Amino acid sequence: MDNHTLTITDNRTQKSYEVPISHGTIRAMDLRQIKTGPEDFGLMTYDPAFMNTASCQSAITYLDGDAGILRYRGYPIEQLAEKCTFLEVAYLLLNGELPTSDQLDEWNCRVMRHTMLHENVRKFMDGFHHDAHPMGMLISTVAALSTFYPDVRNIADARCRRKQIVRLIGKMPTLAAFSYRHRLGRPYVYPDPDLSYTQNYMNMLWRKTEPKYAANPVLSRALEVLFILHADHEQNCSTSTMRAVGSSNADPFSTTAAAIAALSGPLHGGANEEVLRMLDEVGSKEHIPAFIEQVKEGKRKLMGFGHRVYKNYDPRARIIKQVAEEVFEVTGRNPRIDIALELEKIALSDEYFIKRKLYPNVDFYSGIIYQAMGFTPDQFTVLFGIPRTVGWLAQWEEMMLDPERKIARPRQIYTGADKRDFVPITLRSVHDRELVGA
């Protein structure tokens, strides 16, 4: 007998069923055959927040949370962060292989050629209130881009799909920078295709009156590393949203806007901003022991520690910790880093956190670096969204090519009232109305 199967005995009927096991999973639809009778719908699984459900098969990102491993297309994140540019990693995520020198040059040119925006997009952004949140502007403007390109809905055509992918990757830094300048009331700075991807973004953010912006190479490289670390992370909330919305054959601009909306939540993309607030509340290293005790008593939360997937030290946090020291040599030391380091030291030696496998994640240090580089907290999630666009689009295109693709349609367990007959309003009692309003 094949040992790659699971035998299930239904104690209601005493029947047994043999279900195949593949890649450590069973297909939920294989449970549908388990019924008490012909009228029975069949067995379903109940998994709130998809804690233990695989929604797809993917060859893009490998993540082992217990071992603290993250790989893009098989390459360890540590090697890619050390040796690659962001656009080199973007090419890898989208194509499955690292580019040759000629391929990378062509890829860089294609992306940078699409950094320009239609002038009407600029006018569209001018319509936002002066203090509009950058993420709100980004969601709306990315969605609006779908109206500027008539071919965007032709998602069945491979060449057309790739054109939209390049457009989005090229335009995201421009949209992000324009949202930043809009909030400050500064004139927009147009892209400079002679600069690298990250240098061009910094140019559009911070250029003033100088004829040519020269980014600090240490800060530019730090941004490259941060972009690489955030490029993809398996089936997280926003990536799952990208796949779910894309499964209806919505265009990639609309699906990306939906993914940005998911990212905008403080439990996802805004977590590093919450870390900064926490460090400000702690105030100094002397207050850390008392803060730790409050966390253990359930009175406070230790932001930036723990992860849905990682039960070990987040490999991205290790890299960011080193990048932080390089950034501070240029910008000066952010006093929050000393509080963060001491907080990490104490937490990692405390049995309470060790037992619960609460280790620093990518958000614990990234906000400190962003702030040291000159980014305001309202830009942190935007900074996340720029590189993650590559991962979203890689996942979207993989889904489009999946022969098993169907429109996303989860099931539910109905817990409402059983069938009941309509009651005319004149016969409805006060008691019934009070129950409804309770």
Protein backbone atom coordinates (compact mmCIF):
# COMPACT_ATOMS: atom_id res chain seq x y z
CA MET A 1 0.00 0.00 0.00
CA ASP A 2 1.21 3.49 -0.83
CA ASN A 3 2.38 5.10 2.43
CA HIS A 4 1.80 8.62 1.04
CA THR A 5 -1.82 8.51 2.05
CA LEU A 6 -3.97 9.37 5.04
CA THR A 7 -6.68 7.00 6.24
CA ILE A 8 -9.66 8.74 7.80
CA THR A 9 -12.35 6.88 9.69
CA ASP A 10 -15.69 8.66 10.08
CA ASN A 11 -17.02 7.54 13.45
CA ARG A 12 -20.49 8.72 12.44
CA THR A 13 -20.76 6.11 9.72
CA GLN A 14 -17.82 3.79 10.50
CA LYS A 15 -16.63 4.29 6.92
CA SER A 16 -12.92 4.76 6.10
CA TYR A 17 -11.44 6.93 3.38
CA GLU A 18 -7.96 7.02 1.90
CA VAL A 19 -6.70 10.48 0.99
CA PRO A 20 -3.43 11.14 -0.94
CA ILE A 21 -0.69 13.20 0.72
CA SER A 22 1.37 15.48 -1.54
CA HIS A 23 4.02 17.95 -0.35
CA GLY A 24 2.86 17.48 3.21
CA THR A 25 -0.74 18.42 2.38
CA ILE A 26 -4.05 16.85 1.54
CA ARG A 27 -6.54 18.44 -0.82
CA ALA A 28 -9.52 19.91 0.97
CA MET A 29 -11.78 18.74 -1.87
CA ASP A 30 -10.79 15.15 -1.07
CA LEU A 31 -12.71 15.56 2.18
CA ARG A 32 -15.91 16.31 0.30
CA GLN A 33 -16.43 12.57 -0.26
CA ILE A 34 -16.89 12.08 3.50
CA LYS A 35 -20.66 12.21 3.94
CA THR A 36 -23.32 10.85 6.29
CA GLY A 37 -25.74 10.36 3.40
CA PRO A 38 -26.69 11.44 -0.13
CA GLU A 39 -28.10 14.77 1.08
CA ASP A 40 -24.94 15.66 3.01
CA PHE A 41 -22.79 18.35 1.35
CA GLY A 42 -19.61 16.64 2.54
CA LEU A 43 -16.88 17.49 4.99
CA MET A 44 -15.16 20.90 4.86
CA THR A 45 -12.21 22.33 6.75
CA TYR A 46 -12.55 25.35 9.06
CA ASP A 47 -9.42 27.49 9.19
CA PRO A 48 -9.87 31.13 10.31
CA ALA A 49 -7.17 33.42 8.84
CA PHE A 50 -5.78 30.44 6.87
CA MET A 51 -3.46 29.46 9.72
CA ASN A 52 -2.84 26.00 8.24
CA THR A 53 -4.16 26.12 4.69
CA ALA A 54 -2.10 26.25 1.49
CA SER A 55 -4.02 28.28 -1.08
CA CYS A 56 -1.64 27.73 -4.00
CA GLN A 57 1.54 26.11 -5.23
CA SER A 58 4.40 28.55 -5.85
CA ALA A 59 8.02 28.36 -6.99
CA ILE A 60 8.91 31.94 -6.02
CA THR A 61 9.71 32.17 -2.32
CA TYR A 62 10.73 29.48 0.15
CA LEU A 63 10.19 30.24 3.81
CA ASP A 64 11.00 27.98 6.77
CA GLY A 65 9.85 29.85 9.84
CA ASP A 66 11.12 27.28 12.34
CA ALA A 67 14.65 27.40 10.92
CA GLY A 68 14.64 31.12 10.09
CA ILE A 69 15.24 30.58 6.35
CA LEU A 70 14.11 32.85 3.50
CA ARG A 71 15.04 32.20 -0.14
CA TYR A 72 14.01 33.77 -3.43
CA ARG A 73 13.93 31.17 -6.24
CA GLY A 74 16.31 29.03 -4.14
CA TYR A 75 18.85 31.78 -3.40
CA PRO A 76 19.39 32.62 0.31
CA ILE A 77 18.22 36.14 1.12
CA GLU A 78 21.57 36.83 2.81
CA GLN A 79 23.47 36.29 -0.47
CA LEU A 80 21.07 38.35 -2.55
CA ALA A 81 21.12 41.25 -0.08
CA GLU A 82 24.91 41.29 -0.08
CA LYS A 83 25.62 40.84 -3.78
CA CYS A 84 22.65 42.09 -5.85
CA THR A 85 20.88 45.28 -6.82
CA PHE A 86 17.15 45.47 -6.28
CA LEU A 87 16.32 45.32 -9.99
CA GLU A 88 18.56 42.25 -10.31
CA VAL A 89 16.46 40.55 -7.62
CA ALA A 90 13.28 41.79 -9.31
CA TYR A 91 14.38 40.09 -12.53
CA LEU A 92 15.03 36.89 -10.57
CA LEU A 93 11.61 36.89 -8.92
CA LEU A 94 9.83 37.49 -12.21
CA ASN A 95 11.89 35.20 -14.45
CA GLY A 96 13.15 32.46 -12.17
CA GLU A 97 16.84 33.01 -12.92
CA LEU A 98 19.39 35.73 -12.24
CA PRO A 99 20.09 37.85 -15.34
CA THR A 100 23.27 37.94 -17.38
CA SER A 101 25.06 41.27 -17.65
CA ASP A 102 23.36 42.08 -20.96
CA GLN A 103 19.95 40.99 -19.67
CA LEU A 104 20.34 43.16 -16.58
CA ASP A 105 21.33 46.21 -18.64
CA GLU A 106 18.29 45.76 -20.89
CA TRP A 107 16.02 45.17 -17.87
CA ASN A 108 17.29 48.29 -16.09
CA CYS A 109 16.67 50.38 -19.20
CA ARG A 110 13.15 49.03 -19.66
CA VAL A 111 12.15 49.71 -16.06
CA MET A 112 13.68 53.18 -15.94
CA ARG A 113 11.99 54.09 -19.25
CA HIS A 114 8.64 53.54 -17.54
CA THR A 115 9.30 55.75 -14.51
CA MET A 116 7.64 58.72 -16.22
CA LEU A 117 3.96 59.46 -15.54
CA HIS A 118 1.30 60.84 -17.84
CA GLU A 119 0.78 64.52 -16.97
CA ASN A 120 -2.85 63.83 -16.20
CA VAL A 121 -1.73 61.46 -13.44
CA ARG A 122 0.10 64.39 -11.86
CA LYS A 123 -3.08 66.47 -12.12
CA PHE A 124 -5.03 63.60 -10.58
CA MET A 125 -2.66 63.60 -7.59
CA ASP A 126 -3.01 67.38 -7.28
CA GLY A 127 -6.65 66.78 -6.44
CA PHE A 128 -5.83 65.21 -3.08
CA HIS A 129 -6.03 67.32 0.06
CA HIS A 130 -2.66 68.71 1.18
CA ASP A 131 -2.51 66.35 4.17
CA ALA A 132 -3.76 63.22 2.42
CA HIS A 133 -2.02 60.11 3.69
CA PRO A 134 0.55 58.80 1.15
CA MET A 135 -0.89 55.27 1.27
CA GLY A 136 -4.36 56.55 0.42
CA MET A 137 -2.89 58.47 -2.51
CA LEU A 138 -0.97 55.40 -3.65
CA ILE A 139 -4.00 53.08 -3.53
CA SER A 140 -6.15 55.52 -5.48
CA THR A 141 -3.57 56.52 -8.07
CA VAL A 142 -2.44 52.96 -8.87
CA ALA A 143 -6.08 52.01 -9.40
CA ALA A 144 -6.56 55.08 -11.60
CA LEU A 145 -3.60 54.06 -13.78
CA SER A 146 -5.72 51.25 -15.22
CA THR A 147 -7.77 53.92 -17.03
CA PHE A 148 -4.67 55.36 -18.73
CA TYR A 149 -3.68 52.18 -20.57
CA PRO A 150 -6.44 50.63 -22.72
CA ASP A 151 -4.47 47.40 -23.18
CA VAL A 152 -4.27 46.70 -19.46
CA ARG A 153 -7.26 44.35 -19.50
CA ASN A 154 -5.70 42.07 -22.09
CA ILE A 155 -4.26 39.82 -19.40
CA ALA A 156 -4.42 36.68 -21.55
CA ASP A 157 -1.59 38.01 -23.73
CA ALA A 158 1.83 37.22 -22.21
CA ARG A 159 3.59 40.18 -23.82
CA CYS A 160 0.87 42.57 -22.69
CA ARG A 161 1.06 41.19 -19.13
CA ARG A 162 4.80 41.76 -19.03
CA LYS A 163 4.38 45.33 -20.33
CA GLN A 164 2.04 46.13 -17.44
CA ILE A 165 4.46 44.55 -14.97
CA VAL A 166 7.31 46.74 -16.16
CA ARG A 167 5.07 49.81 -16.13
CA LEU A 168 4.06 49.22 -12.51
CA ILE A 169 7.58 48.53 -11.27
CA GLY A 170 8.84 51.65 -13.03
CA LYS A 171 6.07 53.96 -11.87
CA MET A 172 5.78 52.94 -8.21
CA PRO A 173 8.77 55.02 -6.97
CA THR A 174 7.51 58.03 -8.93
CA LEU A 175 4.02 57.75 -7.44
CA ALA A 176 5.48 57.27 -3.96
CA ALA A 177 7.79 60.29 -4.30
CA PHE A 178 5.03 62.48 -5.71
CA SER A 179 2.77 61.59 -2.77
CA TYR A 180 5.56 62.64 -0.40
CA ARG A 181 6.22 65.95 -2.18
CA HIS A 182 2.48 66.66 -2.43
CA ARG A 183 2.08 66.40 1.32
CA LEU A 184 4.94 68.84 1.89
CA GLY A 185 3.66 71.29 -0.74
CA ARG A 186 6.84 70.97 -2.77
CA PRO A 187 7.02 70.85 -6.59
CA TYR A 188 7.31 67.39 -8.09
CA VAL A 189 10.74 66.21 -9.22
CA TYR A 190 10.64 64.17 -12.42
CA PRO A 191 12.56 60.89 -12.83
CA ASP A 192 16.18 60.86 -13.89
CA PRO A 193 16.80 57.71 -15.98
CA ASP A 194 20.57 58.12 -15.60
CA LEU A 195 20.31 57.16 -11.93
CA SER A 196 19.78 53.72 -10.45
CA TYR A 197 16.33 52.63 -9.26
CA THR A 198 16.89 53.60 -5.62
CA GLN A 199 18.98 56.70 -6.41
CA ASN A 200 16.25 57.93 -8.73
CA TYR A 201 13.68 57.48 -5.96
CA MET A 202 15.87 59.46 -3.55
CA ASN A 203 16.30 62.13 -6.24
CA MET A 204 12.54 62.53 -6.64
CA LEU A 205 12.11 62.71 -2.87
CA TRP A 206 14.83 65.07 -1.79
CA ARG A 207 16.22 67.05 -4.71
CA LYS A 208 15.95 70.79 -4.13
CA THR A 209 17.68 73.34 -6.37
CA GLU A 210 20.83 71.42 -7.30
CA PRO A 211 21.16 70.72 -11.06
CA LYS A 212 21.94 67.03 -10.45
CA TYR A 213 21.10 65.02 -7.35
CA ALA A 214 23.92 62.90 -5.93
CA ALA A 215 22.68 60.27 -3.48
CA ASN A 216 24.96 59.20 -0.66
CA PRO A 217 26.23 55.76 -1.79
CA VAL A 218 25.90 54.24 1.69
CA LEU A 219 22.28 55.34 2.02
CA SER A 220 21.49 54.34 -1.55
CA ARG A 221 22.93 50.88 -0.93
CA ALA A 222 21.02 50.60 2.35
CA LEU A 223 17.80 51.33 0.49
CA GLU A 224 18.69 48.67 -2.11
CA VAL A 225 19.10 46.11 0.69
CA LEU A 226 15.84 47.12 2.37
CA PHE A 227 14.02 46.86 -0.96
CA ILE A 228 15.50 43.38 -1.56
CA LEU A 229 14.42 42.19 1.89
CA HIS A 230 10.85 43.39 1.33
CA ALA A 231 10.44 42.21 -2.26
CA ASP A 232 8.45 39.06 -1.47
CA HIS A 233 7.44 37.01 1.53
CA GLU A 234 5.31 34.09 0.42
CA GLN A 235 1.51 34.16 0.96
CA ASN A 236 1.18 37.09 3.37
CA CYS A 237 -2.01 39.17 3.66
CA SER A 238 -1.33 41.54 0.74
CA THR A 239 0.03 38.81 -1.56
CA SER A 240 -3.00 36.64 -0.84
CA THR A 241 -5.15 39.68 -1.65
CA MET A 242 -3.28 40.11 -4.94
CA ARG A 243 -3.98 36.51 -5.87
CA ALA A 244 -7.61 36.60 -4.71
CA VAL A 245 -8.48 39.76 -6.64
CA GLY A 246 -6.43 38.68 -9.64
CA SER A 247 -8.26 35.35 -9.76
CA SER A 248 -11.32 37.21 -11.07
CA ASN A 249 -9.23 38.35 -14.09
CA ALA A 250 -9.13 41.93 -12.82
CA ASP A 251 -6.37 43.99 -14.44
CA PRO A 252 -2.97 44.14 -12.66
CA PHE A 253 -3.30 47.82 -11.72
CA SER A 254 -6.56 47.18 -9.89
CA THR A 255 -5.22 44.04 -8.23
CA THR A 256 -2.08 45.89 -7.11
CA ALA A 257 -4.22 48.69 -5.67
CA ALA A 258 -6.10 46.03 -3.66
CA ALA A 259 -2.81 44.59 -2.42
CA ILE A 260 -1.64 48.07 -1.37
CA ALA A 261 -4.88 48.50 0.55
CA ALA A 262 -4.19 45.27 2.43
CA LEU A 263 -0.62 46.42 3.11
CA SER A 264 -1.83 49.72 4.55
CA GLY A 265 -3.12 48.11 7.73
CA PRO A 266 -1.02 48.55 10.90
CA LEU A 267 -0.92 44.77 11.42
CA HIS A 268 0.85 44.38 8.06
CA GLY A 269 2.82 47.18 6.44
CA GLY A 270 2.48 49.69 9.28
CA ALA A 271 4.10 47.55 11.96
CA ASN A 272 7.49 49.34 11.87
CA GLU A 273 5.80 52.64 12.67
CA GLU A 274 4.28 50.97 15.75
CA VAL A 275 7.79 49.91 16.80
CA LEU A 276 8.94 53.54 16.78
CA ARG A 277 5.98 54.55 18.92
CA MET A 278 6.83 51.79 21.37
CA LEU A 279 10.50 52.83 21.60
CA ASP A 280 9.42 56.43 22.24
CA GLU A 281 7.14 55.24 25.02
CA VAL A 282 9.96 53.24 26.62
CA GLY A 283 12.07 56.39 26.47
CA SER A 284 15.39 55.08 27.80
CA LYS A 285 17.24 51.86 28.59
CA GLU A 286 16.56 52.32 32.31
CA HIS A 287 12.82 51.88 31.69
CA ILE A 288 13.17 48.61 29.76
CA PRO A 289 12.92 46.15 32.71
CA ALA A 290 9.65 47.72 33.86
CA PHE A 291 8.34 47.72 30.28
CA ILE A 292 9.23 44.02 29.87
CA GLU A 293 7.30 43.20 33.03
CA GLN A 294 4.25 45.04 31.70
CA VAL A 295 4.49 43.02 28.49
CA LYS A 296 4.58 39.77 30.45
CA GLU A 297 1.57 40.89 32.47
CA GLY A 298 -0.37 41.52 29.28
CA LYS A 299 -0.54 45.27 29.81
CA ARG A 300 1.71 46.21 26.87
CA LYS A 301 2.69 44.75 23.52
CA LEU A 302 6.27 44.17 22.41
CA MET A 303 6.02 45.44 18.84
CA GLY A 304 8.45 44.05 16.27
CA PHE A 305 8.78 40.72 18.06
CA GLY A 306 7.16 37.52 16.90
CA HIS A 307 5.75 36.62 13.51
CA ARG A 308 2.89 34.53 12.13
CA VAL A 309 5.40 32.33 10.30
CA TYR A 310 8.82 32.77 11.92
CA LYS A 311 9.41 30.86 15.15
CA ASN A 312 13.07 31.75 14.99
CA TYR A 313 15.08 34.93 14.38
CA ASP A 314 13.76 36.60 11.22
CA PRO A 315 16.72 36.40 8.77
CA ARG A 316 15.80 39.83 7.41
CA ALA A 317 16.16 41.34 10.88
CA ARG A 318 19.75 40.10 11.13
CA ILE A 319 20.63 41.83 7.86
CA ILE A 320 18.83 45.06 8.75
CA LYS A 321 20.61 45.19 12.09
CA GLN A 322 23.95 45.35 10.26
CA VAL A 323 22.64 47.86 7.71
CA ALA A 324 21.57 50.11 10.58
CA GLU A 325 25.16 50.49 11.80
CA GLU A 326 26.32 51.44 8.29
CA VAL A 327 23.55 54.03 7.97
CA PHE A 328 24.32 55.57 11.37
CA GLU A 329 27.94 56.15 10.32
CA VAL A 330 26.53 58.60 7.76
CA THR A 331 23.48 60.03 9.51
CA GLY A 332 24.61 59.92 13.11
CA ARG A 333 23.33 57.45 15.64
CA ASN A 334 19.59 57.31 16.19
CA PRO A 335 19.17 57.03 19.99
CA ARG A 336 16.31 54.60 19.46
CA ILE A 337 18.75 51.95 18.24
CA ASP A 338 20.37 51.70 21.67
CA ILE A 339 16.97 51.18 23.29
CA ALA A 340 16.12 48.60 20.61
CA LEU A 341 19.39 46.69 21.07
CA GLU A 342 18.99 46.57 24.83
CA LEU A 343 15.34 45.57 24.50
CA GLU A 344 16.34 42.75 22.15
CA LYS A 345 19.15 41.62 24.48
CA ILE A 346 16.88 41.41 27.52
CA ALA A 347 13.97 39.82 25.66
CA LEU A 348 16.15 37.12 24.09
CA SER A 349 17.53 36.13 27.49
CA ASP A 350 14.12 36.00 29.19
CA GLU A 351 12.45 32.59 29.49
CA TYR A 352 9.04 34.16 28.85
CA PHE A 353 10.00 35.19 25.30
CA ILE A 354 12.22 32.17 24.62
CA LYS A 355 9.41 29.77 25.50
CA ARG A 356 7.01 31.60 23.18
CA LYS A 357 9.62 31.83 20.39
CA LEU A 358 9.29 35.61 20.17
CA TYR A 359 12.24 36.91 18.16
CA PRO A 360 12.81 40.26 16.41
CA ASN A 361 11.21 40.48 12.98
CA VAL A 362 11.94 42.74 10.00
CA ASP A 363 9.88 45.61 11.43
CA PHE A 364 11.90 45.90 14.62
CA TYR A 365 14.83 47.74 13.01
CA SER A 366 13.54 48.95 9.61
CA GLY A 367 11.62 51.96 10.97
CA ILE A 368 14.68 53.18 12.88
CA ILE A 369 16.74 53.09 9.68
CA TYR A 370 14.06 54.79 7.60
CA GLN A 371 13.77 57.60 10.12
CA ALA A 372 17.54 58.05 10.27
CA MET A 373 17.62 58.34 6.47
CA GLY A 374 15.06 61.17 6.56
CA PHE A 375 11.78 59.37 5.87
CA THR A 376 8.76 60.43 7.91
CA PRO A 377 6.71 57.63 9.54
CA ASP A 378 3.79 58.11 7.14
CA GLN A 379 6.14 57.04 4.34
CA PHE A 380 7.23 53.75 5.95
CA THR A 381 4.44 51.63 4.49
CA VAL A 382 4.94 53.26 1.09
CA LEU A 383 8.58 52.20 1.28
CA PHE A 384 7.34 48.68 1.88
CA GLY A 385 4.96 48.85 -1.07
CA ILE A 386 7.53 49.87 -3.69
CA PRO A 387 9.60 46.66 -3.58
CA ARG A 388 6.69 44.40 -2.63
CA THR A 389 5.05 45.37 -5.94
CA VAL A 390 7.61 43.11 -7.62
CA GLY A 391 6.63 40.16 -5.44
CA TRP A 392 2.93 40.82 -5.94
CA LEU A 393 3.36 40.89 -9.72
CA ALA A 394 5.53 37.75 -9.75
CA GLN A 395 2.86 35.95 -7.73
CA TRP A 396 0.09 37.34 -9.95
CA GLU A 397 1.75 36.17 -13.17
CA GLU A 398 2.49 32.76 -11.66
CA MET A 399 -1.19 32.48 -10.75
CA MET A 400 -2.23 33.49 -14.28
CA LEU A 401 -0.18 30.60 -15.68
CA ASP A 402 -1.45 28.05 -13.14
CA PRO A 403 -3.65 25.44 -14.91
CA GLU A 404 -5.53 24.90 -11.63
CA ARG A 405 -6.46 28.57 -11.27
CA LYS A 406 -10.05 29.30 -10.36
CA ILE A 407 -11.73 32.40 -8.98
CA ALA A 408 -11.20 32.62 -5.23
CA ARG A 409 -14.34 31.62 -3.36
CA PRO A 410 -13.89 30.46 0.26
CA ARG A 411 -16.66 28.59 2.02
CA GLN A 412 -18.24 29.58 5.31
CA ILE A 413 -19.91 27.93 8.29
CA TYR A 414 -23.35 29.45 8.63
CA THR A 415 -24.24 30.26 12.27
CA GLY A 416 -27.36 32.38 11.74
CA ALA A 417 -31.06 31.72 12.26
CA ASP A 418 -32.75 28.66 10.79
CA LYS A 419 -35.58 29.11 8.28
CA ARG A 420 -38.33 31.39 9.61
CA ASP A 421 -41.41 33.00 8.07
CA PHE A 422 -41.83 36.71 7.43
CA VAL A 423 -43.74 38.65 10.13
CA PRO A 424 -45.66 41.83 9.14
CA ILE A 425 -44.35 44.93 10.88
CA THR A 426 -47.61 45.40 12.80
CA LEU A 427 -47.18 42.00 14.43
CA ARG A 428 -43.52 42.31 15.38
CA SER A 429 -43.16 42.57 19.12
CA VAL A 430 -41.05 45.09 20.99
CA HIS A 431 -39.13 42.15 22.38
CA ASP A 432 -38.11 41.02 18.88
CA ARG A 433 -36.96 44.53 17.95
CA GLU A 434 -34.92 44.77 21.15
CA LEU A 435 -33.17 41.53 20.32
CA VAL A 436 -32.25 42.83 16.88
CA GLY A 437 -30.90 46.08 18.31
CA ALA A 438 -28.98 44.37 21.12
